[in-house]
Amino acid sequence: MVTGKRGILDVLRRSADNTIANWQLILIRFGEMLLFGLLAILTMIAAFMPILIAVGIEISKLSTINDVENAGLALMEKWYLLGWVVLAILGLLAVFTAIHGFVEAGSARVYVDAERIAGPAMTGARSRFRVFSAERFLAGAKDGWWTLFWIYNICWTAACLILLIPLLPTAIGMLLTFREQQPVAVAIGCGGLVITLLLLLFVGPLTGMWVNRSINEWAVRRSGIRESIAAGRAAVRFDFARHLLICIAMIVVALAGASFFSSFSFFAAFGDAVGSRHGSFNLLFFPLRIVGSLLNSIFSAIVSAWYLASYSALAAE
């Protein structure tokens, strides 16, 4: 145990060593992203496309707002099909949360064990954090995925309830004015969305801090759902400044990376523009778009792993 709190730079440097030393967890996260994409595509093919075809909706023809509105009305007329779409989306989200809980539980166990084995000293070789093994990861994942599944659901449900505060009056106002005063309904909708987005800028990061610390409280204490959530909330409240600064640092790094990798799409878009005249350019720039997308996904996996390891460093103090 350390006798005092580490500085933010010390925490970030220590957690970076932990993340790099256990680089296998980054590959697991990247594989998780690929799996999510595959499952989303399969769900679209298996659940959504037959319904759209049955209703007579062609996605390629949804080019205007009126087309989207007519498609929505067509779905609402056959409410049982709309209900199936909602159930499919909820089921897919549940599967995503379970898989992500599995990965996060295994990762948190590895990062916390690495913190304990490395000891409190700030100096030393990065290799002292190297503790990853498939057995250690799977033991943590199997032990904690169900706990983390409910941590995610409870914390983010609470966040969504907060976001409903401006959304519900907005929806009611639009319903009351849509038929007779459409400009007023549009103004209400735009205003409500702006307020909700501004609220999300605060609620989203705070909820992420709460969830990440609760995960690490589970990894340190091996506690249950309620105890981990309560301990995570208390820890963030007690040491709010360091948790917030780490969160801000991760957001800045993520935005910087996203800006850099978006340049790949910019050059690919340039290729598309030129390709409208010369078709061969489309094929030339297509690999650039793919490479940029893959690198961006890998970078996102690195940042999310670093974020979790940073809170592991705080929880293991």
Protein backbone atom coordinates (compact mmCIF):
# COMPACT_ATOMS: atom_id res chain seq x y z
CA MET A 1 0.00 0.00 0.00
CA VAL A 2 1.11 3.57 -0.65
CA THR A 3 1.02 6.17 2.08
CA GLY A 4 -0.33 8.99 -0.08
CA LYS A 5 -2.13 9.70 -3.30
CA ARG A 6 -0.19 9.52 -6.53
CA GLY A 7 -0.26 12.47 -8.90
CA ILE A 8 -2.26 12.27 -12.11
CA LEU A 9 0.84 11.99 -14.30
CA ASP A 10 2.18 9.18 -12.12
CA VAL A 11 -1.14 7.32 -12.38
CA LEU A 12 -1.28 7.74 -16.15
CA ARG A 13 2.35 6.66 -16.60
CA ARG A 14 1.90 3.66 -14.31
CA SER A 15 -1.32 2.57 -16.00
CA ALA A 16 0.30 3.03 -19.43
CA ASP A 17 3.02 0.61 -18.37
CA ASN A 18 0.35 -1.80 -17.17
CA THR A 19 -1.56 -1.50 -20.45
CA ILE A 20 1.50 -2.01 -22.65
CA ALA A 21 2.89 -4.87 -20.55
CA ASN A 22 -0.43 -6.73 -20.87
CA TRP A 23 -0.90 -5.89 -24.55
CA GLN A 24 -2.84 -9.10 -25.16
CA LEU A 25 -5.88 -7.43 -23.57
CA ILE A 26 -5.85 -4.83 -26.35
CA LEU A 27 -6.08 -7.57 -28.95
CA ILE A 28 -8.99 -9.10 -27.03
CA ARG A 29 -10.78 -5.74 -27.06
CA PHE A 30 -10.16 -5.36 -30.77
CA GLY A 31 -11.60 -8.82 -31.34
CA GLU A 32 -14.61 -7.78 -29.27
CA MET A 33 -15.19 -4.80 -31.58
CA LEU A 34 -15.04 -7.03 -34.65
CA LEU A 35 -17.48 -9.46 -33.03
CA PHE A 36 -19.89 -6.62 -32.26
CA GLY A 37 -19.82 -5.53 -35.88
CA LEU A 38 -20.45 -9.07 -37.10
CA LEU A 39 -23.34 -9.58 -34.67
CA ALA A 40 -24.90 -6.26 -35.69
CA ILE A 41 -24.77 -7.24 -39.37
CA LEU A 42 -26.22 -10.67 -38.70
CA THR A 43 -29.03 -9.17 -36.61
CA MET A 44 -29.83 -6.72 -39.38
CA ILE A 45 -30.01 -9.54 -41.91
CA ALA A 46 -31.92 -12.00 -39.72
CA ALA A 47 -34.32 -9.68 -37.88
CA PHE A 48 -34.70 -6.36 -39.68
CA MET A 49 -34.47 -7.04 -43.41
CA PRO A 50 -37.37 -9.56 -43.54
CA ILE A 51 -39.60 -7.09 -41.67
CA LEU A 52 -38.70 -4.20 -43.99
CA ILE A 53 -39.37 -6.39 -47.02
CA ALA A 54 -42.71 -7.54 -45.57
CA VAL A 55 -43.79 -3.93 -45.03
CA GLY A 56 -42.49 -2.92 -48.47
CA ILE A 57 -39.68 -0.63 -47.29
CA GLU A 58 -36.50 -0.39 -49.34
CA ILE A 59 -33.58 1.23 -47.48
CA SER A 60 -32.05 2.47 -50.73
CA LYS A 61 -35.17 4.59 -51.36
CA LEU A 62 -35.13 6.34 -47.94
CA SER A 63 -33.58 9.52 -49.31
CA THR A 64 -35.82 12.25 -47.83
CA ILE A 65 -37.45 13.03 -44.50
CA ASN A 66 -40.86 12.21 -45.97
CA ASP A 67 -39.60 8.77 -47.00
CA VAL A 68 -38.38 8.08 -43.47
CA GLU A 69 -41.66 9.39 -42.02
CA ASN A 70 -43.73 7.19 -44.33
CA ALA A 71 -41.58 4.19 -43.45
CA GLY A 72 -42.12 4.86 -39.74
CA LEU A 73 -45.87 5.15 -40.23
CA ALA A 74 -45.90 1.90 -42.19
CA LEU A 75 -44.10 0.16 -39.32
CA MET A 76 -46.46 1.68 -36.73
CA GLU A 77 -49.47 0.35 -38.63
CA LYS A 78 -48.08 -3.14 -38.10
CA TRP A 79 -47.21 -2.69 -34.42
CA TYR A 80 -46.40 -6.33 -33.87
CA LEU A 81 -43.55 -6.06 -36.38
CA LEU A 82 -42.35 -2.88 -34.69
CA GLY A 83 -42.43 -4.74 -31.38
CA TRP A 84 -40.26 -7.46 -32.87
CA VAL A 85 -37.73 -4.83 -33.99
CA VAL A 86 -37.61 -3.38 -30.47
CA LEU A 87 -37.15 -6.85 -28.95
CA ALA A 88 -34.38 -7.63 -31.43
CA ILE A 89 -32.55 -4.40 -30.54
CA LEU A 90 -32.93 -5.02 -26.79
CA GLY A 91 -31.72 -8.57 -27.22
CA LEU A 92 -28.70 -7.43 -29.22
CA LEU A 93 -27.85 -4.82 -26.55
CA ALA A 94 -28.12 -7.49 -23.84
CA VAL A 95 -25.71 -9.74 -25.77
CA PHE A 96 -23.32 -6.81 -26.30
CA THR A 97 -23.41 -5.96 -22.59
CA ALA A 98 -22.77 -9.58 -21.57
CA ILE A 99 -19.81 -9.93 -23.94
CA HIS A 100 -18.38 -6.57 -22.88
CA GLY A 101 -18.82 -7.50 -19.22
CA PHE A 102 -16.91 -10.73 -19.88
CA VAL A 103 -14.01 -8.84 -21.48
CA GLU A 104 -13.97 -6.08 -18.86
CA ALA A 105 -14.07 -8.53 -15.94
CA GLY A 106 -11.10 -10.47 -17.27
CA SER A 107 -9.19 -7.27 -18.06
CA ALA A 108 -9.85 -5.69 -14.67
CA ARG A 109 -8.67 -8.84 -12.90
CA VAL A 110 -5.40 -8.79 -14.88
CA TYR A 111 -4.78 -5.06 -14.34
CA VAL A 112 -5.48 -5.21 -10.59
CA ASP A 113 -3.30 -8.30 -10.16
CA ALA A 114 -0.54 -6.53 -12.10
CA GLU A 115 -0.81 -3.52 -9.78
CA ARG A 116 -0.48 -5.73 -6.72
CA ILE A 117 2.42 -7.76 -8.09
CA ALA A 118 4.31 -4.68 -9.35
CA GLY A 119 4.10 -3.03 -5.92
CA PRO A 120 3.71 0.66 -5.07
CA ALA A 121 7.14 1.82 -6.33
CA MET A 122 7.03 4.18 -9.30
CA THR A 123 10.45 3.15 -10.57
CA GLY A 124 11.22 -0.18 -12.13
CA ALA A 125 11.02 -2.09 -15.37
CA ARG A 126 7.72 -2.20 -17.23
CA SER A 127 7.99 -5.97 -17.24
CA ARG A 128 7.03 -6.09 -13.55
CA PHE A 129 3.42 -5.50 -14.68
CA ARG A 130 3.49 -8.42 -17.13
CA VAL A 131 1.06 -10.92 -15.57
CA PHE A 132 -1.30 -11.75 -18.41
CA SER A 133 -2.21 -15.35 -19.00
CA ALA A 134 -5.26 -16.90 -20.60
CA GLU A 135 -6.03 -18.69 -17.34
CA ARG A 136 -5.94 -15.47 -15.31
CA PHE A 137 -8.10 -13.60 -17.84
CA LEU A 138 -10.69 -16.38 -18.16
CA ALA A 139 -10.85 -16.84 -14.38
CA GLY A 140 -11.71 -13.17 -13.90
CA ALA A 141 -14.09 -13.11 -16.87
CA LYS A 142 -16.05 -16.16 -15.72
CA ASP A 143 -16.15 -14.91 -12.14
CA GLY A 144 -17.31 -11.37 -12.85
CA TRP A 145 -19.17 -11.12 -16.14
CA TRP A 146 -22.60 -11.43 -14.53
CA THR A 147 -21.77 -8.82 -11.87
CA LEU A 148 -20.48 -6.42 -14.51
CA PHE A 149 -23.50 -7.08 -16.71
CA TRP A 150 -25.72 -5.65 -13.97
CA ILE A 151 -23.29 -2.88 -13.09
CA TYR A 152 -23.56 -1.63 -16.67
CA ASN A 153 -27.34 -1.99 -16.77
CA ILE A 154 -28.01 -0.31 -13.41
CA CYS A 155 -25.59 2.60 -13.86
CA TRP A 156 -26.52 3.41 -17.44
CA THR A 157 -30.24 2.98 -16.74
CA ALA A 158 -29.87 5.62 -14.04
CA ALA A 159 -28.10 7.87 -16.58
CA CYS A 160 -30.88 7.34 -19.15
CA LEU A 161 -33.52 8.26 -16.57
CA ILE A 162 -31.75 11.57 -16.07
CA LEU A 163 -31.70 12.17 -19.83
CA LEU A 164 -35.46 11.54 -19.95
CA ILE A 165 -36.02 14.70 -17.88
CA PRO A 166 -35.74 16.98 -20.96
CA LEU A 167 -36.76 14.32 -23.51
CA LEU A 168 -40.23 13.58 -22.13
CA PRO A 169 -41.46 17.22 -22.17
CA THR A 170 -39.94 17.57 -25.63
CA ALA A 171 -41.81 14.54 -26.96
CA ILE A 172 -45.09 15.69 -25.40
CA GLY A 173 -44.68 19.20 -26.81
CA MET A 174 -44.00 17.86 -30.30
CA LEU A 175 -47.03 15.56 -30.20
CA LEU A 176 -49.31 18.41 -29.13
CA THR A 177 -48.12 20.83 -31.84
CA PHE A 178 -47.08 18.60 -34.74
CA ARG A 179 -50.34 18.57 -36.71
CA GLU A 180 -51.35 22.23 -36.46
CA GLN A 181 -48.06 24.04 -35.81
CA GLN A 182 -45.26 22.09 -37.40
CA PRO A 183 -42.65 24.91 -37.15
CA VAL A 184 -43.31 25.11 -33.41
CA ALA A 185 -42.96 21.32 -33.13
CA VAL A 186 -39.64 21.45 -34.99
CA ALA A 187 -38.41 24.24 -32.71
CA ILE A 188 -39.43 22.28 -29.61
CA GLY A 189 -37.72 19.17 -30.92
CA CYS A 190 -34.49 20.96 -31.78
CA GLY A 191 -34.44 22.77 -28.45
CA GLY A 192 -35.07 19.58 -26.52
CA LEU A 193 -32.34 17.72 -28.40
CA VAL A 194 -29.83 20.50 -27.74
CA ILE A 195 -30.61 20.46 -24.02
CA THR A 196 -30.38 16.66 -23.95
CA LEU A 197 -27.02 16.67 -25.75
CA LEU A 198 -25.65 19.28 -23.35
CA LEU A 199 -26.86 17.18 -20.42
CA LEU A 200 -25.28 14.10 -22.01
CA LEU A 201 -21.91 15.85 -22.05
CA PHE A 202 -22.01 15.80 -18.24
CA VAL A 203 -23.97 12.63 -17.55
CA GLY A 204 -22.02 10.42 -19.98
CA PRO A 205 -18.49 10.97 -18.59
CA LEU A 206 -19.73 10.90 -14.98
CA THR A 207 -21.50 7.59 -15.57
CA GLY A 208 -18.41 6.20 -17.29
CA MET A 209 -16.32 7.18 -14.27
CA TRP A 210 -18.82 5.50 -11.95
CA VAL A 211 -18.94 2.31 -14.02
CA ASN A 212 -15.17 2.01 -14.45
CA ARG A 213 -14.50 2.52 -10.76
CA SER A 214 -17.26 0.05 -9.81
CA ILE A 215 -15.66 -2.55 -12.08
CA ASN A 216 -12.33 -2.07 -10.37
CA GLU A 217 -13.96 -2.16 -6.94
CA TRP A 218 -15.29 -5.58 -7.90
CA ALA A 219 -11.84 -6.65 -9.09
CA VAL A 220 -10.18 -5.50 -5.85
CA ARG A 221 -12.83 -6.58 -3.34
CA ARG A 222 -14.46 -9.50 -5.21
CA SER A 223 -17.72 -7.95 -4.02
CA GLY A 224 -21.29 -8.27 -5.27
CA ILE A 225 -23.30 -6.02 -7.56
CA ARG A 226 -24.72 -3.64 -4.98
CA GLU A 227 -21.49 -3.42 -2.98
CA SER A 228 -19.39 -2.71 -6.08
CA ILE A 229 -21.72 0.02 -7.32
CA ALA A 230 -21.89 1.67 -3.88
CA ALA A 231 -18.12 1.44 -3.40
CA GLY A 232 -17.50 2.85 -6.87
CA ARG A 233 -19.79 5.81 -6.26
CA ALA A 234 -18.19 6.51 -2.89
CA ALA A 235 -14.67 6.28 -4.31
CA VAL A 236 -15.42 8.70 -7.16
CA ARG A 237 -17.08 11.13 -4.75
CA PHE A 238 -14.19 10.94 -2.27
CA ASP A 239 -11.46 11.37 -4.90
CA PHE A 240 -13.42 13.21 -7.57
CA ALA A 241 -10.57 15.39 -8.88
CA ARG A 242 -8.26 12.55 -9.89
CA HIS A 243 -11.07 10.49 -11.42
CA LEU A 244 -12.27 13.49 -13.43
CA LEU A 245 -8.79 14.50 -14.62
CA ILE A 246 -8.08 10.96 -15.80
CA CYS A 247 -11.42 10.91 -17.63
CA ILE A 248 -10.66 14.25 -19.30
CA ALA A 249 -7.19 13.01 -20.30
CA MET A 250 -8.71 9.92 -21.93
CA ILE A 251 -11.29 12.02 -23.78
CA VAL A 252 -8.58 14.37 -25.09
CA VAL A 253 -6.42 11.46 -26.25
CA ALA A 254 -9.42 9.77 -27.88
CA LEU A 255 -10.44 12.96 -29.70
CA ALA A 256 -6.88 13.56 -30.89
CA GLY A 257 -6.69 10.04 -32.26
CA ALA A 258 -10.09 10.32 -33.92
CA SER A 259 -9.01 13.58 -35.58
CA PHE A 260 -5.84 11.97 -36.88
CA PHE A 261 -7.50 8.87 -38.25
CA SER A 262 -10.30 10.92 -39.80
CA SER A 263 -7.64 12.26 -42.17
CA PHE A 264 -7.62 8.81 -43.80
CA SER A 265 -11.32 9.22 -44.58
CA PHE A 266 -10.62 12.72 -45.90
CA PHE A 267 -8.13 11.42 -48.43
CA ALA A 268 -10.47 8.54 -49.26
CA ALA A 269 -13.27 11.05 -49.85
CA PHE A 270 -10.93 12.94 -52.15
CA GLY A 271 -10.48 9.67 -54.01
CA ASP A 272 -14.25 9.29 -54.26
CA ALA A 273 -14.55 12.79 -55.70
CA VAL A 274 -11.89 12.12 -58.29
CA GLY A 275 -13.31 8.67 -58.86
CA SER A 276 -16.58 10.19 -60.02
CA ARG A 277 -14.63 11.04 -63.18
CA HIS A 278 -12.06 8.27 -63.13
CA GLY A 279 -13.40 5.06 -61.62
CA SER A 280 -9.94 3.57 -61.02
CA PHE A 281 -9.28 6.11 -58.26
CA ASN A 282 -12.06 4.60 -56.15
CA LEU A 283 -10.24 1.29 -56.02
CA LEU A 284 -6.95 3.08 -55.32
CA PHE A 285 -8.22 4.90 -52.22
CA PHE A 286 -10.50 2.16 -50.89
CA PRO A 287 -7.67 0.35 -49.00
CA LEU A 288 -6.82 3.68 -47.33
CA ARG A 289 -10.33 3.87 -45.92
CA ILE A 290 -10.12 0.29 -44.62
CA VAL A 291 -6.69 0.85 -43.04
CA GLY A 292 -7.88 4.06 -41.37
CA SER A 293 -10.93 2.31 -39.95
CA LEU A 294 -8.86 -0.59 -38.58
CA LEU A 295 -6.25 1.70 -37.05
CA ASN A 296 -8.97 3.81 -35.46
CA SER A 297 -10.53 0.69 -33.92
CA ILE A 298 -7.18 -0.46 -32.55
CA PHE A 299 -6.52 2.99 -31.12
CA SER A 300 -9.96 3.01 -29.47
CA ALA A 301 -9.16 -0.37 -27.90
CA ILE A 302 -5.89 1.02 -26.55
CA VAL A 303 -7.54 4.09 -25.03
CA SER A 304 -10.36 2.11 -23.39
CA ALA A 305 -7.82 -0.37 -21.97
CA TRP A 306 -5.68 2.49 -20.64
CA TYR A 307 -8.75 4.09 -19.04
CA LEU A 308 -9.63 0.89 -17.19
CA ALA A 309 -6.00 0.36 -16.11
CA SER A 310 -5.86 3.95 -14.79
CA TYR A 311 -8.77 3.31 -12.45
CA SER A 312 -7.18 0.00 -11.49
CA ALA A 313 -4.16 2.00 -10.32
CA LEU A 314 -6.44 4.16 -8.16
CA ALA A 315 -8.41 1.23 -6.77
CA ALA A 316 -5.30 -0.76 -5.88
CA GLU A 317 -3.67 2.05 -3.89
